[in-house]
């Protein structure tokens, strides 16, 4: 698995050759998880099933029982993820963000994924 590293602003990094990539590392899988969590299902025209089902299972009334399961399903179905070791989520009502923090076991080792969605 190979993923280009991102800088603090979420932009691709350049200028360090192969040093700009995660190659067969837990961080590559973590970045794949973040990419899938940040993609709204139906947004990518080449595969409208890819991404997180925010509109149907995460956002809105009546999703309290389903949003964690939907997010965990996206994480577990990311290539390279073997299992979720630890998972925590929360909501910040002031800025209307979901907070996700989890430890995943990948085929390259364990890593942490933390994001505000």
N, C-alpha and C. Protein backbone atom coordinates (compact mmCIF):
# COMPACT_ATOMS: atom_id res chain seq x y z
N UNK A 1 0.85 -1.17 0.00
CA UNK A 1 0.00 0.00 0.00
C UNK A 1 0.90 1.23 0.00
N UNK A 2 0.55 2.19 -0.85
CA UNK A 2 1.35 3.40 -0.98
C UNK A 2 0.43 4.62 -1.01
N UNK A 3 0.71 5.58 -0.15
CA UNK A 3 -0.07 6.83 -0.09
C UNK A 3 0.88 8.01 0.01
N UNK A 4 0.57 9.07 -0.72
CA UNK A 4 1.35 10.30 -0.63
C UNK A 4 1.06 10.97 0.71
N UNK A 5 2.11 11.44 1.38
CA UNK A 5 1.96 12.12 2.66
C UNK A 5 1.28 13.47 2.47
N UNK A 6 0.57 13.88 3.49
CA UNK A 6 -0.09 15.19 3.48
C UNK A 6 0.60 16.11 4.47
N UNK A 7 0.56 17.41 4.19
CA UNK A 7 1.12 18.37 5.14
C UNK A 7 0.05 18.76 6.17
N UNK A 8 0.36 19.70 7.03
CA UNK A 8 -0.55 20.10 8.11
C UNK A 8 -1.86 20.68 7.59
N UNK A 9 -1.87 21.18 6.34
CA UNK A 9 -3.08 21.73 5.75
C UNK A 9 -3.88 20.70 4.95
N UNK A 10 -3.38 19.46 4.90
CA UNK A 10 -4.08 18.41 4.15
C UNK A 10 -3.72 18.38 2.68
N UNK A 11 -2.66 19.09 2.27
CA UNK A 11 -2.22 19.11 0.88
C UNK A 11 -1.10 18.09 0.68
N UNK A 12 -0.97 17.59 -0.56
CA UNK A 12 0.12 16.67 -0.89
C UNK A 12 1.47 17.31 -0.61
N UNK A 13 2.43 16.49 -0.19
CA UNK A 13 3.80 16.97 -0.01
C UNK A 13 4.61 16.62 -1.26
N UNK A 14 5.58 17.46 -1.56
CA UNK A 14 6.45 17.27 -2.73
C UNK A 14 7.88 17.63 -2.35
N UNK A 15 8.81 17.18 -3.17
CA UNK A 15 10.19 17.62 -3.04
C UNK A 15 11.13 16.67 -2.33
N UNK A 16 10.63 15.59 -1.76
CA UNK A 16 11.51 14.65 -1.07
C UNK A 16 11.52 13.27 -1.74
N UNK A 17 11.12 13.19 -2.99
CA UNK A 17 11.13 11.92 -3.71
C UNK A 17 10.27 10.88 -3.01
N UNK A 18 10.85 9.72 -2.75
CA UNK A 18 10.10 8.64 -2.10
C UNK A 18 9.77 8.97 -0.65
N UNK A 19 10.43 9.99 -0.08
CA UNK A 19 10.13 10.43 1.27
C UNK A 19 8.77 11.10 1.39
N UNK A 20 8.14 11.38 0.25
CA UNK A 20 6.81 11.97 0.24
C UNK A 20 5.71 10.92 0.30
N UNK A 21 6.08 9.65 0.48
CA UNK A 21 5.10 8.58 0.46
C UNK A 21 5.21 7.69 1.69
N UNK A 22 4.06 7.17 2.12
CA UNK A 22 4.02 6.07 3.07
C UNK A 22 3.98 4.80 2.24
N UNK A 23 4.91 3.91 2.47
CA UNK A 23 4.96 2.66 1.73
C UNK A 23 4.88 1.50 2.70
N UNK A 24 3.79 0.74 2.64
CA UNK A 24 3.60 -0.44 3.51
C UNK A 24 3.84 -0.09 4.97
N UNK A 25 3.18 0.98 5.43
CA UNK A 25 3.28 1.44 6.81
C UNK A 25 1.86 1.61 7.36
N UNK A 26 1.71 1.52 8.68
CA UNK A 26 0.40 1.75 9.28
C UNK A 26 -0.17 3.13 8.93
N UNK A 27 0.71 4.12 8.76
CA UNK A 27 0.26 5.47 8.43
C UNK A 27 -0.42 5.54 7.06
N UNK A 28 -0.02 4.67 6.14
CA UNK A 28 -0.68 4.62 4.83
C UNK A 28 -2.12 4.17 4.98
N UNK A 29 -2.34 3.18 5.82
CA UNK A 29 -3.70 2.69 6.06
C UNK A 29 -4.52 3.75 6.79
N UNK A 30 -3.91 4.43 7.76
CA UNK A 30 -4.61 5.49 8.49
C UNK A 30 -5.04 6.60 7.54
N UNK A 31 -4.18 6.95 6.59
CA UNK A 31 -4.56 7.98 5.63
C UNK A 31 -5.68 7.49 4.71
N UNK A 32 -5.68 6.22 4.37
CA UNK A 32 -6.77 5.66 3.56
C UNK A 32 -8.09 5.74 4.34
N UNK A 33 -8.04 5.45 5.63
CA UNK A 33 -9.24 5.55 6.48
C UNK A 33 -9.75 6.99 6.50
N UNK A 34 -8.85 7.95 6.71
CA UNK A 34 -9.25 9.35 6.74
C UNK A 34 -9.85 9.79 5.41
N UNK A 35 -9.27 9.34 4.32
CA UNK A 35 -9.79 9.69 2.99
C UNK A 35 -11.21 9.17 2.83
N UNK A 36 -11.45 7.94 3.25
CA UNK A 36 -12.79 7.35 3.12
C UNK A 36 -13.79 8.03 4.06
N UNK A 37 -13.34 8.41 5.27
CA UNK A 37 -14.24 9.09 6.20
C UNK A 37 -14.61 10.49 5.71
N UNK A 38 -13.70 11.14 5.01
CA UNK A 38 -13.95 12.51 4.54
C UNK A 38 -14.71 12.56 3.21
N UNK A 39 -14.86 11.41 2.57
CA UNK A 39 -15.59 11.34 1.30
C UNK A 39 -17.06 11.03 1.59
N UNK A 40 -17.94 11.88 1.13
CA UNK A 40 -19.38 11.66 1.31
C UNK A 40 -19.83 10.64 0.27
N UNK A 41 -20.52 9.61 0.73
CA UNK A 41 -21.00 8.58 -0.19
C UNK A 41 -21.84 9.22 -1.28
N UNK A 42 -21.55 8.86 -2.54
CA UNK A 42 -22.24 9.42 -3.68
C UNK A 42 -21.53 10.60 -4.31
N UNK A 43 -20.47 11.09 -3.65
CA UNK A 43 -19.75 12.28 -4.11
C UNK A 43 -18.80 11.98 -5.27
N UNK A 44 -18.22 10.79 -5.29
CA UNK A 44 -17.24 10.46 -6.33
C UNK A 44 -17.96 9.80 -7.49
N UNK A 45 -17.94 10.44 -8.64
CA UNK A 45 -18.73 9.98 -9.78
C UNK A 45 -18.29 8.62 -10.32
N UNK A 46 -17.07 8.20 -10.09
CA UNK A 46 -16.62 6.90 -10.59
C UNK A 46 -17.11 5.73 -9.74
N UNK A 47 -17.44 6.00 -8.47
CA UNK A 47 -17.97 4.96 -7.59
C UNK A 47 -18.85 5.63 -6.53
N UNK A 48 -20.14 5.70 -6.81
CA UNK A 48 -21.03 6.40 -5.89
C UNK A 48 -21.29 5.63 -4.60
N UNK A 49 -20.78 4.40 -4.50
CA UNK A 49 -20.91 3.64 -3.25
C UNK A 49 -19.74 3.90 -2.31
N UNK A 50 -18.68 4.52 -2.81
CA UNK A 50 -17.49 4.78 -1.98
C UNK A 50 -17.77 5.93 -1.01
N UNK A 51 -17.13 5.87 0.14
CA UNK A 51 -17.25 6.95 1.11
C UNK A 51 -18.13 6.60 2.29
N UNK A 52 -18.47 7.61 3.06
CA UNK A 52 -19.24 7.46 4.30
C UNK A 52 -20.68 7.88 4.05
N UNK A 53 -21.64 7.07 4.49
CA UNK A 53 -23.06 7.38 4.25
C UNK A 53 -23.61 8.44 5.22
N UNK A 54 -23.06 9.64 5.13
CA UNK A 54 -23.47 10.71 6.03
C UNK A 54 -24.95 11.03 5.89
N UNK A 55 -25.44 11.13 4.67
CA UNK A 55 -26.83 11.54 4.46
C UNK A 55 -27.85 10.52 4.94
N UNK A 56 -27.50 9.25 4.91
CA UNK A 56 -28.48 8.23 5.28
C UNK A 56 -28.29 7.63 6.67
N UNK A 57 -27.05 7.61 7.20
CA UNK A 57 -26.82 6.91 8.46
C UNK A 57 -26.08 7.69 9.54
N UNK A 58 -25.57 8.88 9.20
CA UNK A 58 -24.76 9.61 10.18
C UNK A 58 -25.43 10.91 10.61
N UNK A 59 -25.88 11.70 9.67
CA UNK A 59 -26.45 13.01 9.98
C UNK A 59 -27.96 12.95 10.18
N UNK A 60 -28.46 13.86 10.98
CA UNK A 60 -29.90 14.01 11.13
C UNK A 60 -30.48 13.32 12.34
N UNK A 61 -31.77 13.51 12.49
CA UNK A 61 -32.49 12.92 13.62
C UNK A 61 -32.60 11.41 13.46
N UNK A 62 -32.55 10.72 14.57
CA UNK A 62 -32.72 9.27 14.56
C UNK A 62 -31.49 8.48 14.16
N UNK A 63 -30.32 9.11 14.15
CA UNK A 63 -29.11 8.37 13.76
C UNK A 63 -28.20 8.04 14.94
N UNK A 64 -28.64 8.35 16.15
CA UNK A 64 -27.79 8.13 17.32
C UNK A 64 -27.37 6.66 17.42
N UNK A 65 -28.25 5.76 17.09
CA UNK A 65 -27.91 4.34 17.18
C UNK A 65 -27.15 3.80 15.98
N UNK A 66 -27.06 4.57 14.91
CA UNK A 66 -26.44 4.02 13.70
C UNK A 66 -25.16 4.71 13.25
N UNK A 67 -24.91 5.94 13.72
CA UNK A 67 -23.77 6.65 13.14
C UNK A 67 -22.43 6.03 13.51
N UNK A 68 -22.27 5.56 14.74
CA UNK A 68 -21.01 4.90 15.10
C UNK A 68 -20.81 3.62 14.29
N UNK A 69 -21.88 2.85 14.12
CA UNK A 69 -21.77 1.62 13.33
C UNK A 69 -21.41 1.91 11.88
N UNK A 70 -21.99 2.97 11.31
CA UNK A 70 -21.69 3.33 9.93
C UNK A 70 -20.23 3.75 9.78
N UNK A 71 -19.73 4.55 10.72
CA UNK A 71 -18.33 4.99 10.67
C UNK A 71 -17.39 3.81 10.88
N UNK A 72 -17.70 2.95 11.83
CA UNK A 72 -16.86 1.77 12.07
C UNK A 72 -16.86 0.84 10.85
N UNK A 73 -17.99 0.75 10.17
CA UNK A 73 -18.07 -0.08 8.95
C UNK A 73 -17.14 0.47 7.87
N UNK A 74 -17.11 1.78 7.71
CA UNK A 74 -16.20 2.40 6.74
C UNK A 74 -14.75 2.10 7.11
N UNK A 75 -14.42 2.22 8.39
CA UNK A 75 -13.06 1.95 8.85
C UNK A 75 -12.69 0.49 8.59
N UNK A 76 -13.55 -0.42 9.00
CA UNK A 76 -13.24 -1.86 8.86
C UNK A 76 -13.16 -2.33 7.42
N UNK A 77 -13.84 -1.63 6.51
CA UNK A 77 -13.82 -2.02 5.10
C UNK A 77 -12.77 -1.28 4.29
N UNK A 78 -11.87 -0.59 4.98
CA UNK A 78 -10.75 0.06 4.31
C UNK A 78 -9.65 -0.98 4.08
N UNK A 79 -9.12 -1.07 2.86
CA UNK A 79 -8.05 -2.03 2.61
C UNK A 79 -6.89 -1.85 3.58
N UNK A 80 -6.43 -2.96 4.15
CA UNK A 80 -5.31 -2.94 5.09
C UNK A 80 -5.72 -2.95 6.54
N UNK A 81 -6.98 -2.64 6.85
CA UNK A 81 -7.44 -2.64 8.23
C UNK A 81 -7.83 -4.06 8.62
N UNK A 82 -7.27 -4.54 9.74
CA UNK A 82 -7.62 -5.86 10.25
C UNK A 82 -8.70 -5.78 11.31
N UNK A 83 -8.60 -4.78 12.20
CA UNK A 83 -9.60 -4.64 13.26
C UNK A 83 -9.51 -3.25 13.89
N UNK A 84 -10.56 -2.91 14.61
CA UNK A 84 -10.56 -1.70 15.43
C UNK A 84 -10.23 -2.13 16.85
N UNK A 85 -9.14 -1.63 17.39
CA UNK A 85 -8.70 -1.98 18.74
C UNK A 85 -9.44 -1.15 19.78
N UNK A 86 -9.59 0.13 19.51
CA UNK A 86 -10.26 1.05 20.43
C UNK A 86 -10.96 2.11 19.59
N UNK A 87 -12.16 2.51 20.02
CA UNK A 87 -12.95 3.49 19.25
C UNK A 87 -13.69 4.41 20.20
N UNK A 88 -13.59 5.72 19.96
CA UNK A 88 -14.32 6.72 20.71
C UNK A 88 -14.84 7.76 19.74
N UNK A 89 -16.04 8.23 20.00
CA UNK A 89 -16.59 9.32 19.18
C UNK A 89 -17.34 10.28 20.08
N UNK A 90 -17.53 11.46 19.57
CA UNK A 90 -18.28 12.46 20.29
C UNK A 90 -18.72 13.54 19.33
N UNK A 91 -19.48 14.47 19.85
CA UNK A 91 -19.99 15.57 19.03
C UNK A 91 -19.67 16.87 19.74
N UNK A 92 -19.19 17.84 18.98
CA UNK A 92 -18.97 19.18 19.49
C UNK A 92 -20.09 20.05 18.93
N UNK A 93 -21.12 20.34 19.73
CA UNK A 93 -22.27 21.09 19.21
C UNK A 93 -21.95 22.54 18.85
N UNK A 94 -20.89 23.10 19.44
CA UNK A 94 -20.55 24.49 19.15
C UNK A 94 -20.12 24.68 17.70
N UNK A 95 -19.30 23.75 17.19
CA UNK A 95 -18.87 23.88 15.81
C UNK A 95 -19.46 22.80 14.90
N UNK A 96 -20.41 22.04 15.46
CA UNK A 96 -21.15 21.02 14.71
C UNK A 96 -20.22 20.02 14.03
N UNK A 97 -19.29 19.47 14.80
CA UNK A 97 -18.35 18.49 14.29
C UNK A 97 -18.45 17.19 15.07
N UNK A 98 -18.26 16.11 14.36
CA UNK A 98 -18.12 14.81 15.00
C UNK A 98 -16.63 14.58 15.26
N UNK A 99 -16.31 14.05 16.42
CA UNK A 99 -14.93 13.77 16.79
C UNK A 99 -14.74 12.27 16.80
N UNK A 100 -13.80 11.79 16.03
CA UNK A 100 -13.52 10.36 15.94
C UNK A 100 -12.07 10.13 16.36
N UNK A 101 -11.87 9.18 17.25
CA UNK A 101 -10.53 8.80 17.70
C UNK A 101 -10.53 7.29 17.86
N UNK A 102 -9.68 6.63 17.09
CA UNK A 102 -9.64 5.17 17.20
C UNK A 102 -8.23 4.66 16.96
N UNK A 103 -7.99 3.48 17.48
CA UNK A 103 -6.76 2.75 17.22
C UNK A 103 -7.15 1.57 16.35
N UNK A 104 -6.42 1.41 15.25
CA UNK A 104 -6.71 0.30 14.35
C UNK A 104 -5.49 -0.60 14.24
N UNK A 105 -5.76 -1.87 14.02
CA UNK A 105 -4.70 -2.82 13.74
C UNK A 105 -4.70 -3.02 12.23
N UNK A 106 -3.56 -2.78 11.61
CA UNK A 106 -3.45 -2.92 10.16
C UNK A 106 -2.52 -4.08 9.85
N UNK A 107 -2.42 -4.41 8.58
CA UNK A 107 -1.51 -5.50 8.22
C UNK A 107 -0.05 -5.09 8.37
N UNK A 108 0.19 -3.80 8.70
CA UNK A 108 1.55 -3.31 8.92
C UNK A 108 1.82 -2.94 10.37
N UNK A 109 0.82 -3.07 11.24
CA UNK A 109 0.96 -2.71 12.64
C UNK A 109 -0.18 -1.81 13.10
N UNK A 110 -0.13 -1.40 14.34
CA UNK A 110 -1.20 -0.56 14.91
C UNK A 110 -0.90 0.92 14.68
N UNK A 111 -1.98 1.70 14.57
CA UNK A 111 -1.87 3.14 14.42
C UNK A 111 -3.13 3.80 14.92
N UNK A 112 -3.06 5.10 15.12
CA UNK A 112 -4.21 5.87 15.61
C UNK A 112 -4.75 6.75 14.49
N UNK A 113 -6.07 6.84 14.46
CA UNK A 113 -6.76 7.73 13.53
C UNK A 113 -7.59 8.68 14.37
N UNK A 114 -7.35 9.97 14.21
CA UNK A 114 -8.11 10.98 14.95
C UNK A 114 -8.48 12.09 13.97
N UNK A 115 -9.76 12.45 13.97
CA UNK A 115 -10.21 13.50 13.06
C UNK A 115 -11.48 14.16 13.55
N UNK A 116 -11.70 15.35 13.08
CA UNK A 116 -12.97 16.07 13.27
C UNK A 116 -13.67 16.09 11.93
N UNK A 117 -14.89 15.64 11.92
CA UNK A 117 -15.65 15.60 10.66
C UNK A 117 -16.77 16.59 10.68
